[in-house]
Amino acid sequence: MDSSLASIDWKTGELQNQWRLADRRLSLRHLARHANGSIAVALQAQHDDVVERAGAPVLALFDPATGTLATVSGSSGLAGYAGDIVSIGDQ
């Protein structure tokens, strides 16, 4: 599995940049772009170990200003799967 966010030049198709989470067993599934440009990512854990999968985070945030993609601590507890995500207003 090689799950990542990528920036691609829409004219040439050239890969400009790519971001991955440290835990390569987290699959990036659903995206929601906030008005401030940040991107929330709903995750699905693909760990073989059931306990590790159940405790995995299900939310990551991409900050385009800093170029960082990281999981959000405290976002576990959904058996390793977030089915969808949305950004509303200033939240």
Protein backbone atom coordinates (compact mmCIF):
# COMPACT_ATOMS: atom_id res chain seq x y z
CA MET A 1 0.00 0.00 0.00
CA ASP A 2 1.34 3.44 -0.91
CA SER A 3 -1.33 5.89 0.24
CA SER A 4 -0.45 9.57 -0.16
CA LEU A 5 -1.62 13.07 -0.99
CA ALA A 6 -0.07 14.45 -4.14
CA SER A 7 0.17 17.80 -5.85
CA ILE A 8 0.12 17.41 -9.63
CA ASP A 9 0.51 20.07 -12.31
CA TRP A 10 -2.87 20.00 -14.05
CA LYS A 11 -1.40 20.98 -17.41
CA THR A 12 1.54 18.58 -17.61
CA GLY A 13 0.56 15.85 -15.16
CA GLU A 14 3.96 16.28 -13.48
CA LEU A 15 4.18 15.30 -9.81
CA GLN A 16 5.03 18.45 -7.85
CA ASN A 17 4.98 17.13 -4.30
CA GLN A 18 3.80 14.14 -2.29
CA TRP A 19 2.99 13.62 1.39
CA ARG A 20 2.64 10.38 3.36
CA LEU A 21 1.82 9.52 6.96
CA ALA A 22 4.53 7.96 9.10
CA ASP A 23 2.34 4.87 9.64
CA ARG A 24 2.19 3.29 6.17
CA ARG A 25 -0.67 1.01 7.27
CA LEU A 26 -3.09 3.95 7.36
CA SER A 27 -5.03 4.36 4.14
CA LEU A 28 -6.13 7.88 3.17
CA ARG A 29 -9.80 7.55 2.18
CA HIS A 30 -11.99 10.64 2.25
CA LEU A 31 -10.99 14.32 1.97
CA ALA A 32 -12.60 17.60 3.02
CA ARG A 33 -11.03 20.96 2.19
CA HIS A 34 -11.58 23.76 4.68
CA ALA A 35 -12.00 27.40 3.62
CA ASN A 36 -8.54 28.14 5.10
CA GLY A 37 -6.95 25.63 2.69
CA SER A 38 -6.25 22.84 5.18
CA ILE A 39 -7.41 19.35 4.27
CA ALA A 40 -8.95 16.84 6.67
CA VAL A 41 -8.45 13.19 5.79
CA ALA A 42 -10.59 10.31 7.03
CA LEU A 43 -8.46 7.18 7.45
CA GLN A 44 -8.86 3.42 7.37
CA ALA A 45 -6.36 1.32 9.30
CA GLN A 46 -5.01 -1.68 7.40
CA HIS A 47 -3.03 -3.24 10.26
CA ASP A 48 -2.98 -7.04 10.39
CA ASP A 49 -3.21 -7.00 14.19
CA VAL A 50 -6.85 -6.46 15.27
CA VAL A 51 -5.92 -4.57 18.45
CA GLU A 52 -3.54 -2.24 16.59
CA ARG A 53 -6.17 -1.63 13.91
CA ALA A 54 -8.88 -0.88 16.50
CA GLY A 55 -6.66 1.67 18.25
CA ALA A 56 -5.43 3.42 15.12
CA PRO A 57 -6.22 7.09 14.46
CA VAL A 58 -8.97 7.79 11.93
CA LEU A 59 -8.24 11.46 11.22
CA ALA A 60 -5.27 13.25 9.68
CA LEU A 61 -4.79 16.91 8.78
CA PHE A 62 -2.78 18.41 5.95
CA ASP A 63 -1.56 21.98 6.47
CA PRO A 64 -0.55 23.47 3.11
CA ALA A 65 1.14 26.41 4.82
CA THR A 66 3.68 24.13 6.49
CA GLY A 67 3.45 21.18 4.11
CA THR A 68 2.74 18.75 6.93
CA LEU A 69 0.43 15.75 6.95
CA ALA A 70 -0.09 14.21 10.40
CA THR A 71 -2.60 12.12 12.30
CA VAL A 72 -4.70 13.79 14.99
CA SER A 73 -4.13 12.39 18.47
CA GLY A 74 -7.32 11.32 20.20
CA SER A 75 -9.00 10.37 16.92
CA SER A 76 -9.00 6.63 17.56
CA GLY A 77 -11.82 4.49 18.87
CA LEU A 78 -13.78 3.84 15.69
CA ALA A 79 -12.32 0.40 15.02
CA GLY A 80 -9.80 1.95 12.66
CA TYR A 81 -12.26 3.33 10.10
CA ALA A 82 -13.76 6.75 9.43
CA GLY A 83 -16.44 6.41 6.78
CA ASP A 84 -16.63 10.05 5.74
CA ILE A 85 -15.61 13.61 6.62
CA VAL A 86 -16.91 17.12 6.05
CA SER A 87 -15.78 20.66 6.78
CA ILE A 88 -18.47 23.12 7.85
CA GLY A 89 -17.95 26.84 8.27
CA ASP A 90 -15.08 27.65 10.60
CA GLN A 91 -14.82 24.17 12.11
